[in-house]
Amino acid sequence: MLTLQQINQDPEQVIARLAVKQFDGREPIMRVVELDKQRRAAQKQRDDNAAQLNKMAAQIGALMKQGQREEADKAKEAVAALKTSLKDIDDQLSAAQDEITEILLSVPNLPCEAVPKGRTAADNVVEKQGGNMPDLPADALPHWDLAKKYNLIDFDLGVKITGAGFPVYVGKGARLQRALIQFFLDEAGKAGYTEVQPPYVVNEASGYGTGQLPDKEGQMYHCQLDNFYLIPTAEVPVTNLYRDVIIPQEELPKKNCAYSACFRREAGSYGKDVRGLNRLHQFDKVEIVRIERPEDSYAALEQMKDHVQGLLEKLELPWHILRLCGGDMSFTSAITFDFEVWSAAQGRWLEVSSVSNFETYQANRLKCRYRGDDKKTHLFHTLNGSALALPRIVAALLENNQTPQGIIIPAALRPYTGFDIID
C-alpha cells in the first residue's frame, strides 16, 4: 500500500497519478492526510502527557519522603487523571491508525511516469515484437479441435469431474504440459533464479501482503472453514517468503522461481474468449519473483522482460510486448508489460505473461525491508512475472505448428517431450 510519506510529501501529485489508473483518489487521500494530522497531534499530546506523568510520579515520591501526604494525595489524583487521558488518547490513535490502514488498503498503487494514459486495453502500447507469423491454410483448426483430434485434452471429462474450466490432459497432452513446466524451470535456473515449491493455499495475511485481498477477494477460491485461499499465482506464497523480514543488503537481490497450479474463479467470464484453453479456473504456471533495492529494480525489470522474450523465441512463437496503460493495469502494479503470442487458427493475440514492478507497494504491506548504509530500514521493490503460463502457450503451439502430418514440436522442447511430432 502507499506510504504516508508518499502521500504527505505531495497529496495532489498522488491524486493526479491515481487518476492515470482511472481511480478518483481525492476523497480517500485527503481523508488520510486529515487523519494523519490528527494522529500526529494526538501522538504529541500523548508524549507530553507521558512526560508529565513521569515527572509527577517522581514528585509524589519526594513529597511522601518529606511527609507532605496531602500534597502527595493531590498529585496522585492528577496522575490518575493523566492515566485516564492517556487511555483516551491511545484509543484515538488506534482508531485513526485503523481508519488510515483501511483506506490505504482500498487505494491502488501509483503508476510510474512511464505508464501511458488510457482507459482500456485498446490504449495499450505495442513496445516490441518478434517471431515469424505462421501461414496456415483456411481450414486450420483451433486448439480445442486439435486437442480432440489427437486426444490431448478432454474438456468434457473435466466438466464431469469438476466443471467448466478444469480440463483433463491426456497422453501426449499431459507430457507436453510436464515438458513445458520443466523447460521453464530449467531456463529460470540458468538465469539465476532459485526454485522453491510453495503451498497452493495461503492464509489471509498472505493475501493482504501481496494485494490480492481485499481487491480480488471475489476472484479467489476461499476455503471458509480454515479461512484459507487457493492461490491465483505463485507470486502470492513466494513473495510472502519475505513478509516481516529484514534482509541483509549483501544477500540481495533475491531471485526465486516456482511452478504451481493456479486457481481463479474468473467470475463473469463468458463468450469466445473463454473457449478451450483461453480462460481456465485451474492452470499451470511458472513464476519468477525478485526482491530488489529501489535503485536496482528497473534494471531488474528489463532483465525479466528479456528472460520472457527469450522463452518465446526458443518456443518459436510470434510475440509482442505491450506496455499497459493506466486503466488496464492491476491494482498493485506500478508498471506492467504484457507478453502476447499469436494464435493463428483463432486469428488473435493471447496473453501469456505479465511482468510487473510494484515498487514499494507490496513491500509496505509485507513489511519487507533491508538495512541501508545509513543503518535505517528501507522498503524493497518487489517484481514478478509469468515465465510462463501454460494454457495459451499450449493453444498457440498446437495451432501454429499444425501440419497435414501432425503437430510439430519446437526443437527446444523435444528433449523434454521425448517426441518431435504429435500425430
Protein backbone atom coordinates (compact mmCIF):
# COMPACT_ATOMS: atom_id res chain seq x y z
CA MET A 1 0.00 0.00 0.00
CA LEU A 2 1.02 3.63 -0.34
CA THR A 3 3.17 5.04 2.42
CA LEU A 4 2.21 8.09 4.48
CA GLN A 5 5.46 9.69 3.37
CA GLN A 6 4.40 9.37 -0.29
CA ILE A 7 1.03 10.94 0.46
CA ASN A 8 2.15 13.75 2.77
CA GLN A 9 5.02 14.77 0.52
CA ASP A 10 2.64 15.80 -2.29
CA PRO A 11 -1.00 14.69 -1.95
CA GLU A 12 -2.05 16.49 -5.14
CA GLN A 13 0.58 14.61 -7.14
CA VAL A 14 -0.63 11.32 -5.63
CA ILE A 15 -4.20 12.16 -6.65
CA ALA A 16 -3.04 13.03 -10.17
CA ARG A 17 -1.11 9.75 -10.55
CA LEU A 18 -4.06 7.72 -9.30
CA ALA A 19 -6.20 9.38 -11.97
CA VAL A 20 -3.96 7.72 -14.60
CA LYS A 21 -5.34 4.43 -13.25
CA GLN A 22 -8.86 5.82 -13.60
CA PHE A 23 -9.12 5.98 -9.80
CA ASP A 24 -10.63 9.03 -8.11
CA GLY A 25 -8.33 9.39 -5.13
CA ARG A 26 -9.20 12.84 -3.86
CA GLU A 27 -11.59 11.86 -1.09
CA PRO A 28 -9.57 8.93 0.33
CA ILE A 29 -6.19 10.67 0.02
CA MET A 30 -7.35 13.90 1.67
CA ARG A 31 -9.03 11.87 4.41
CA VAL A 32 -5.73 10.10 5.07
CA VAL A 33 -3.94 13.48 5.24
CA GLU A 34 -6.52 14.72 7.76
CA LEU A 35 -6.35 11.56 9.86
CA ASP A 36 -2.56 11.62 9.87
CA LYS A 37 -2.58 15.22 11.16
CA GLN A 38 -4.98 14.15 13.92
CA ARG A 39 -2.78 11.15 14.68
CA ARG A 40 0.38 13.28 14.88
CA ALA A 41 -1.32 15.83 17.17
CA ALA A 42 -2.63 13.05 19.41
CA GLN A 43 0.80 11.42 19.50
CA LYS A 44 2.41 14.71 20.57
CA GLN A 45 -0.21 15.15 23.29
CA ARG A 46 0.40 11.59 24.43
CA ASP A 47 4.15 12.13 24.59
CA ASP A 48 3.67 15.37 26.55
CA ASN A 49 1.26 13.67 28.97
CA ALA A 50 3.58 10.71 29.42
CA ALA A 51 6.48 13.05 30.24
CA GLN A 52 4.29 14.93 32.70
CA LEU A 53 3.22 11.62 34.25
CA ASN A 54 6.83 10.57 34.83
CA LYS A 55 7.64 13.95 36.33
CA MET A 56 4.67 13.81 38.72
CA ALA A 57 5.49 10.26 39.77
CA ALA A 58 8.91 11.45 40.88
CA GLN A 59 7.33 14.38 42.72
CA ILE A 60 4.98 12.07 44.62
CA GLY A 61 7.93 10.07 45.90
CA ALA A 62 9.66 13.24 47.08
CA LEU A 63 6.51 14.56 48.80
CA MET A 64 5.99 11.28 50.62
CA LYS A 65 9.56 11.37 51.90
CA GLN A 66 9.01 14.92 53.14
CA GLY A 67 5.81 13.88 54.92
CA GLN A 68 3.60 16.10 52.77
CA ARG A 69 0.86 13.49 52.46
CA GLU A 70 -1.93 15.94 51.50
CA GLU A 71 0.10 17.34 48.59
CA ALA A 72 1.10 13.79 47.60
CA ASP A 73 -2.57 12.70 47.51
CA LYS A 74 -3.47 15.64 45.27
CA ALA A 75 -0.61 14.70 42.98
CA LYS A 76 -1.89 11.10 42.87
CA GLU A 77 -5.31 12.34 41.77
CA ALA A 78 -3.66 14.33 38.99
CA VAL A 79 -1.69 11.24 37.95
CA ALA A 80 -4.90 9.16 37.80
CA ALA A 81 -6.48 11.81 35.58
CA LEU A 82 -3.43 11.79 33.32
CA LYS A 83 -3.57 7.99 33.04
CA THR A 84 -7.25 8.21 32.02
CA SER A 85 -6.30 10.87 29.47
CA LEU A 86 -3.54 8.62 28.11
CA LYS A 87 -6.00 5.76 27.60
CA ASP A 88 -8.37 8.08 25.74
CA ILE A 89 -5.53 9.29 23.54
CA ASP A 90 -4.42 5.70 22.88
CA ASP A 91 -7.95 4.88 21.76
CA GLN A 92 -7.91 7.89 19.42
CA LEU A 93 -4.54 6.86 18.00
CA SER A 94 -5.71 3.31 17.43
CA ALA A 95 -8.94 4.43 15.75
CA ALA A 96 -7.09 6.87 13.47
CA GLN A 97 -4.48 4.27 12.50
CA ASP A 98 -7.14 1.64 11.82
CA GLU A 99 -9.05 4.02 9.54
CA ILE A 100 -5.85 5.05 7.73
CA THR A 101 -4.97 1.40 7.12
CA GLU A 102 -8.49 0.56 5.93
CA ILE A 103 -8.44 3.43 3.45
CA LEU A 104 -4.94 2.65 2.16
CA LEU A 105 -5.86 -0.98 1.56
CA SER A 106 -8.54 0.25 -0.83
CA VAL A 107 -6.25 2.62 -2.76
CA PRO A 108 -4.26 1.18 -5.71
CA ASN A 109 -0.58 1.64 -6.33
CA LEU A 110 0.65 4.73 -8.15
CA PRO A 111 1.59 4.13 -11.79
CA CYS A 112 5.11 5.26 -12.57
CA GLU A 113 5.74 8.10 -15.00
CA ALA A 114 6.42 5.69 -17.88
CA VAL A 115 2.86 4.34 -17.82
CA PRO A 116 0.81 5.63 -20.78
CA LYS A 117 -2.55 7.24 -20.18
CA GLY A 118 -5.62 5.32 -21.30
CA ARG A 119 -8.77 3.63 -20.12
CA THR A 120 -8.87 0.18 -21.73
CA ALA A 121 -6.71 -2.47 -23.41
CA ALA A 122 -7.23 -0.60 -26.67
CA ASP A 123 -4.95 2.13 -25.28
CA ASN A 124 -2.01 -0.20 -24.53
CA VAL A 125 1.18 0.47 -26.47
CA VAL A 126 2.98 -2.18 -28.53
CA GLU A 127 6.58 -1.77 -27.44
CA LYS A 128 8.34 -4.59 -29.27
CA GLN A 129 7.55 -7.62 -31.42
CA GLY A 130 9.28 -10.63 -32.95
CA GLY A 131 8.93 -14.10 -34.37
CA ASN A 132 7.52 -15.30 -37.66
CA MET A 133 3.78 -15.31 -38.24
CA PRO A 134 2.64 -18.78 -39.40
CA ASP A 135 0.94 -19.18 -42.76
CA LEU A 136 -1.86 -21.69 -42.17
CA PRO A 137 -4.50 -22.90 -44.62
CA ALA A 138 -8.06 -21.61 -44.37
CA ASP A 139 -9.23 -24.87 -42.82
CA ALA A 140 -6.70 -24.74 -39.95
CA LEU A 141 -8.21 -25.99 -36.70
CA PRO A 142 -8.40 -24.14 -33.36
CA HIS A 143 -6.65 -25.81 -30.46
CA TRP A 144 -9.81 -27.26 -28.92
CA ASP A 145 -10.48 -29.23 -32.13
CA LEU A 146 -6.82 -30.24 -32.38
CA ALA A 147 -6.91 -31.41 -28.76
CA LYS A 148 -9.87 -33.63 -29.57
CA LYS A 149 -8.42 -34.87 -32.88
CA TYR A 150 -5.15 -36.01 -31.28
CA ASN A 151 -6.63 -36.97 -27.88
CA LEU A 152 -4.58 -34.41 -25.94
CA ILE A 153 -7.12 -32.65 -23.72
CA ASP A 154 -10.57 -33.83 -22.62
CA PHE A 155 -12.67 -30.78 -21.80
CA ASP A 156 -15.89 -32.77 -21.34
CA LEU A 157 -14.30 -35.10 -18.81
CA GLY A 158 -13.11 -32.08 -16.84
CA VAL A 159 -16.69 -30.78 -16.76
CA LYS A 160 -17.87 -34.17 -15.47
CA ILE A 161 -15.28 -34.33 -12.72
CA THR A 162 -15.36 -30.70 -11.61
CA GLY A 163 -16.91 -28.21 -14.02
CA ALA A 164 -16.08 -25.95 -16.94
CA GLY A 165 -12.57 -24.55 -16.88
CA PHE A 166 -10.94 -27.65 -15.38
CA PRO A 167 -9.59 -29.67 -18.34
CA VAL A 168 -8.06 -33.14 -18.19
CA TYR A 169 -4.76 -33.53 -20.07
CA VAL A 170 -4.23 -36.94 -21.63
CA GLY A 171 -1.28 -38.81 -23.15
CA LYS A 172 0.97 -36.52 -25.16
CA GLY A 173 -1.09 -33.57 -23.95
CA ALA A 174 -0.09 -34.34 -20.36
CA ARG A 175 3.51 -34.96 -21.45
CA LEU A 176 3.58 -31.59 -23.24
CA GLN A 177 2.40 -29.88 -20.04
CA ARG A 178 5.11 -31.52 -17.98
CA ALA A 179 7.74 -30.75 -20.62
CA LEU A 180 6.87 -27.05 -20.68
CA ILE A 181 6.96 -26.81 -16.88
CA GLN A 182 10.40 -28.42 -16.70
CA PHE A 183 11.69 -26.35 -19.61
CA PHE A 184 10.56 -23.10 -17.95
CA LEU A 185 12.06 -24.11 -14.59
CA ASP A 186 15.37 -25.11 -16.17
CA GLU A 187 15.58 -21.81 -18.07
CA ALA A 188 14.84 -19.87 -14.87
CA GLY A 189 17.55 -21.80 -13.07
CA LYS A 190 20.05 -20.90 -15.82
CA ALA A 191 19.08 -17.24 -15.30
CA GLY A 192 19.97 -17.42 -11.60
CA TYR A 193 16.55 -17.98 -10.04
CA THR A 194 16.40 -20.28 -7.02
CA GLU A 195 13.47 -22.69 -7.26
CA VAL A 196 11.01 -23.01 -4.40
CA GLN A 197 7.97 -25.26 -4.13
CA PRO A 198 5.31 -23.22 -2.31
CA PRO A 199 1.94 -24.20 -0.80
CA TYR A 200 -1.10 -23.89 -3.06
CA VAL A 201 -3.20 -22.38 -0.27
CA VAL A 202 -2.38 -19.26 1.73
CA ASN A 203 -3.75 -17.54 4.80
CA GLU A 204 -5.45 -14.17 4.84
CA ALA A 205 -2.30 -12.29 5.86
CA SER A 206 -0.50 -13.56 2.76
CA GLY A 207 -3.37 -12.42 0.52
CA TYR A 208 -3.25 -8.95 2.06
CA GLY A 209 0.55 -8.88 1.83
CA THR A 210 0.66 -9.08 -1.96
CA GLY A 211 -2.55 -7.13 -2.55
CA GLN A 212 -4.92 -9.85 -3.74
CA LEU A 213 -7.02 -9.02 -0.69
CA PRO A 214 -9.25 -7.16 -0.45
CA ASP A 215 -9.09 -6.20 -4.15
CA LYS A 216 -9.52 -9.69 -5.72
CA GLU A 217 -11.37 -11.45 -2.92
CA GLY A 218 -14.31 -12.37 -5.17
CA GLN A 219 -11.97 -13.88 -7.77
CA MET A 220 -10.20 -16.22 -5.33
CA TYR A 221 -11.41 -19.62 -4.19
CA HIS A 222 -11.98 -19.38 -0.45
CA CYS A 223 -11.78 -22.35 1.96
CA GLN A 224 -14.10 -20.83 4.54
CA LEU A 225 -13.72 -23.42 7.31
CA ASP A 226 -9.99 -22.72 7.65
CA ASN A 227 -10.06 -19.21 6.14
CA PHE A 228 -7.50 -20.22 3.51
CA TYR A 229 -7.38 -19.07 -0.12
CA LEU A 230 -6.30 -21.10 -3.16
CA ILE A 231 -3.51 -19.21 -4.83
CA PRO A 232 -4.22 -17.37 -8.11
CA THR A 233 -0.47 -17.37 -8.83
CA ALA A 234 2.75 -18.49 -7.13
CA GLU A 235 3.54 -14.79 -6.72
CA VAL A 236 1.49 -14.83 -3.53
CA PRO A 237 3.29 -17.50 -1.47
CA VAL A 238 6.73 -16.79 -2.95
CA THR A 239 6.66 -13.04 -2.27
CA ASN A 240 5.33 -13.77 1.22
CA LEU A 241 8.51 -15.69 1.98
CA TYR A 242 9.87 -12.23 2.77
CA ARG A 243 6.97 -10.89 4.84
CA ASP A 244 8.11 -9.31 8.14
CA VAL A 245 11.75 -9.86 7.21
CA ILE A 246 14.75 -7.53 7.24
CA ILE A 247 17.15 -8.84 4.59
CA PRO A 248 20.87 -8.00 4.81
CA GLN A 249 22.00 -5.93 1.83
CA GLU A 250 24.74 -8.40 0.97
CA GLU A 251 22.09 -11.09 0.27
CA LEU A 252 20.45 -9.05 -2.49
CA PRO A 253 18.90 -9.50 -4.92
CA LYS A 254 16.52 -12.30 -4.03
CA LYS A 255 15.55 -14.22 -7.18
CA ASN A 256 13.06 -17.06 -6.93
CA CYS A 257 11.09 -19.15 -9.38
CA ALA A 258 8.26 -21.54 -8.65
CA TYR A 259 5.93 -23.86 -10.50
CA SER A 260 2.37 -24.08 -9.21
CA ALA A 261 -1.15 -24.78 -10.19
CA CYS A 262 -3.15 -21.54 -10.18
CA PHE A 263 -6.83 -21.16 -9.29
CA ARG A 264 -9.07 -18.30 -10.43
CA ARG A 265 -12.83 -18.08 -10.29
CA GLU A 266 -12.92 -15.79 -13.35
CA ALA A 267 -16.44 -14.75 -12.35
CA GLY A 268 -18.37 -13.08 -15.14
CA SER A 269 -16.24 -14.52 -17.97
CA TYR A 270 -18.16 -15.76 -21.00
CA GLY A 271 -18.11 -15.94 -24.77
CA LYS A 272 -15.44 -16.86 -27.31
CA ASP A 273 -12.60 -15.62 -25.09
CA VAL A 274 -13.18 -18.48 -22.63
CA ARG A 275 -13.36 -21.36 -25.11
CA GLY A 276 -10.83 -24.18 -24.84
CA LEU A 277 -7.67 -23.12 -23.03
CA ASN A 278 -8.26 -19.40 -23.41
CA ARG A 279 -9.53 -18.93 -19.86
CA LEU A 280 -9.43 -21.60 -17.16
CA HIS A 281 -10.25 -21.87 -13.46
CA GLN A 282 -7.18 -24.09 -12.88
CA PHE A 283 -3.97 -23.87 -14.87
CA ASP A 284 -0.22 -24.34 -14.53
CA LYS A 285 2.36 -21.57 -14.46
CA VAL A 286 5.99 -20.92 -13.66
CA GLU A 287 6.50 -17.60 -11.85
CA ILE A 288 9.65 -15.54 -11.34
CA VAL A 289 9.88 -13.17 -8.34
CA ARG A 290 12.55 -10.64 -7.44
CA ILE A 291 13.25 -8.57 -4.32
CA GLU A 292 15.45 -5.59 -5.19
CA ARG A 293 16.78 -2.34 -3.80
CA PRO A 294 14.81 0.56 -5.31
CA GLU A 295 17.78 1.80 -7.33
CA ASP A 296 18.16 -1.63 -8.97
CA SER A 297 14.55 -2.57 -9.65
CA TYR A 298 14.07 -1.10 -13.12
CA ALA A 299 17.23 -2.76 -14.43
CA ALA A 300 15.87 -5.99 -12.94
CA LEU A 301 12.56 -5.40 -14.72
CA GLU A 302 14.38 -5.22 -18.07
CA GLN A 303 16.20 -8.46 -17.27
CA MET A 304 12.89 -10.17 -16.52
CA LYS A 305 11.41 -8.93 -19.81
CA ASP A 306 14.46 -10.24 -21.68
CA HIS A 307 14.05 -13.61 -19.95
CA VAL A 308 10.41 -13.99 -21.00
CA GLN A 309 11.21 -12.84 -24.54
CA GLY A 310 13.95 -15.47 -24.71
CA LEU A 311 11.50 -18.22 -23.75
CA LEU A 312 9.09 -17.23 -26.51
CA GLU A 313 11.90 -17.09 -29.05
CA LYS A 314 13.05 -20.60 -28.09
CA LEU A 315 9.47 -21.81 -28.49
CA GLU A 316 9.46 -20.21 -31.97
CA LEU A 317 6.25 -18.31 -31.31
CA PRO A 318 5.35 -14.91 -32.76
CA TRP A 319 5.12 -12.44 -29.90
CA HIS A 320 4.77 -8.83 -28.97
CA ILE A 321 5.17 -6.81 -25.77
CA LEU A 322 2.54 -4.36 -24.58
CA ARG A 323 3.19 -1.51 -22.17
CA LEU A 324 -0.11 -1.37 -20.31
CA CYS A 325 -1.95 1.92 -19.98
CA GLY A 326 -3.10 3.13 -16.56
CA GLY A 327 -6.68 1.95 -16.99
CA ASP A 328 -5.64 -1.63 -17.87
CA MET A 329 -3.12 -2.14 -15.08
CA SER A 330 -3.57 -4.24 -11.98
CA PHE A 331 -4.43 -2.74 -8.60
CA THR A 332 -0.94 -3.34 -7.18
CA SER A 333 1.36 -2.63 -10.13
CA ALA A 334 3.46 0.48 -10.76
CA ILE A 335 4.16 -0.63 -14.34
CA THR A 336 3.27 -3.77 -16.28
CA PHE A 337 4.37 -5.29 -19.57
CA ASP A 338 2.17 -7.99 -21.09
CA PHE A 339 3.56 -10.56 -23.50
CA GLU A 340 1.14 -11.93 -26.07
CA VAL A 341 1.57 -14.70 -28.64
CA TRP A 342 -0.24 -15.00 -31.93
CA SER A 343 -2.89 -17.72 -32.10
CA ALA A 344 -3.01 -18.45 -35.82
CA ALA A 345 -6.20 -20.52 -36.04
CA GLN A 346 -8.12 -18.10 -33.81
CA GLY A 347 -6.60 -15.06 -35.51
CA ARG A 348 -5.96 -13.23 -32.24
CA TRP A 349 -3.30 -12.38 -29.70
CA LEU A 350 -3.26 -14.33 -26.42
CA GLU A 351 -1.70 -13.01 -23.22
CA VAL A 352 0.84 -15.45 -21.80
CA SER A 353 2.80 -13.31 -19.33
CA SER A 354 2.65 -10.15 -17.27
CA VAL A 355 5.91 -8.73 -15.92
CA SER A 356 5.47 -6.02 -13.28
CA ASN A 357 7.33 -3.77 -10.90
CA PHE A 358 5.34 -2.98 -7.76
CA GLU A 359 7.95 -0.61 -6.34
CA THR A 360 7.33 -0.33 -2.55
CA TYR A 361 3.57 -1.04 -2.67
CA GLN A 362 3.72 -4.75 -1.77
CA ALA A 363 6.80 -4.31 0.42
CA ASN A 364 4.95 -1.81 2.63
CA ARG A 365 2.13 -4.31 3.13
CA LEU A 366 4.61 -7.12 3.71
CA LYS A 367 6.98 -5.07 5.89
CA CYS A 368 9.73 -6.39 3.61
CA ARG A 369 12.81 -4.29 4.37
CA TYR A 370 16.57 -4.02 4.28
CA ARG A 371 19.00 -2.06 6.41
CA GLY A 372 20.84 0.56 4.39
CA ASP A 373 24.27 2.07 4.79
CA ASP A 374 22.62 4.71 6.99
CA LYS A 375 21.68 1.90 9.42
CA LYS A 376 17.98 2.66 8.87
CA THR A 377 15.45 0.20 7.45
CA HIS A 378 14.08 0.82 3.95
CA LEU A 379 11.37 -0.82 1.87
CA PHE A 380 12.32 -3.04 -1.05
CA HIS A 381 10.88 -3.02 -4.53
CA THR A 382 9.14 -6.27 -5.46
CA LEU A 383 8.77 -7.61 -9.01
CA ASN A 384 7.23 -10.66 -10.59
CA GLY A 385 6.40 -12.17 -13.93
CA SER A 386 4.91 -15.23 -15.59
CA ALA A 387 7.64 -17.30 -17.18
CA LEU A 388 5.34 -18.69 -18.43
CA ALA A 389 1.64 -19.51 -18.05
CA LEU A 390 0.91 -22.75 -19.89
CA PRO A 391 -2.66 -22.78 -21.29
CA ARG A 392 -2.34 -20.16 -24.02
CA ILE A 393 1.22 -21.23 -24.80
CA VAL A 394 -0.15 -24.73 -25.46
CA ALA A 395 -3.00 -23.25 -27.52
CA ALA A 396 -0.56 -21.31 -29.71
CA LEU A 397 1.87 -24.23 -30.05
CA LEU A 398 -0.89 -26.56 -31.21
CA GLU A 399 -2.47 -24.10 -33.62
CA ASN A 400 0.66 -22.54 -35.12
CA ASN A 401 2.53 -25.81 -35.64
CA GLN A 402 -0.23 -27.92 -37.20
CA THR A 403 0.64 -29.64 -40.47
CA PRO A 404 -1.03 -32.39 -42.55
CA GLN A 405 1.34 -34.86 -40.86
CA GLY A 406 0.67 -33.68 -37.30
CA ILE A 407 1.71 -31.01 -34.80
CA ILE A 408 5.43 -30.21 -34.88
CA ILE A 409 7.17 -29.77 -31.52
CA PRO A 410 9.70 -26.85 -31.33
CA ALA A 411 13.31 -28.05 -31.20
CA ALA A 412 13.92 -26.59 -27.71
CA LEU A 413 11.12 -28.73 -26.26
CA ARG A 414 11.98 -32.06 -27.86
CA PRO A 415 14.50 -33.14 -25.19
CA TYR A 416 11.68 -32.67 -22.67
CA THR A 417 8.75 -34.22 -24.58
CA GLY A 418 10.65 -37.19 -25.96
CA PHE A 419 8.82 -36.82 -29.28
CA ASP A 420 9.14 -34.48 -32.28
CA ILE A 421 5.58 -34.58 -33.53
CA ILE A 422 2.07 -35.21 -32.25
CA ASP A 423 0.36 -37.45 -34.82
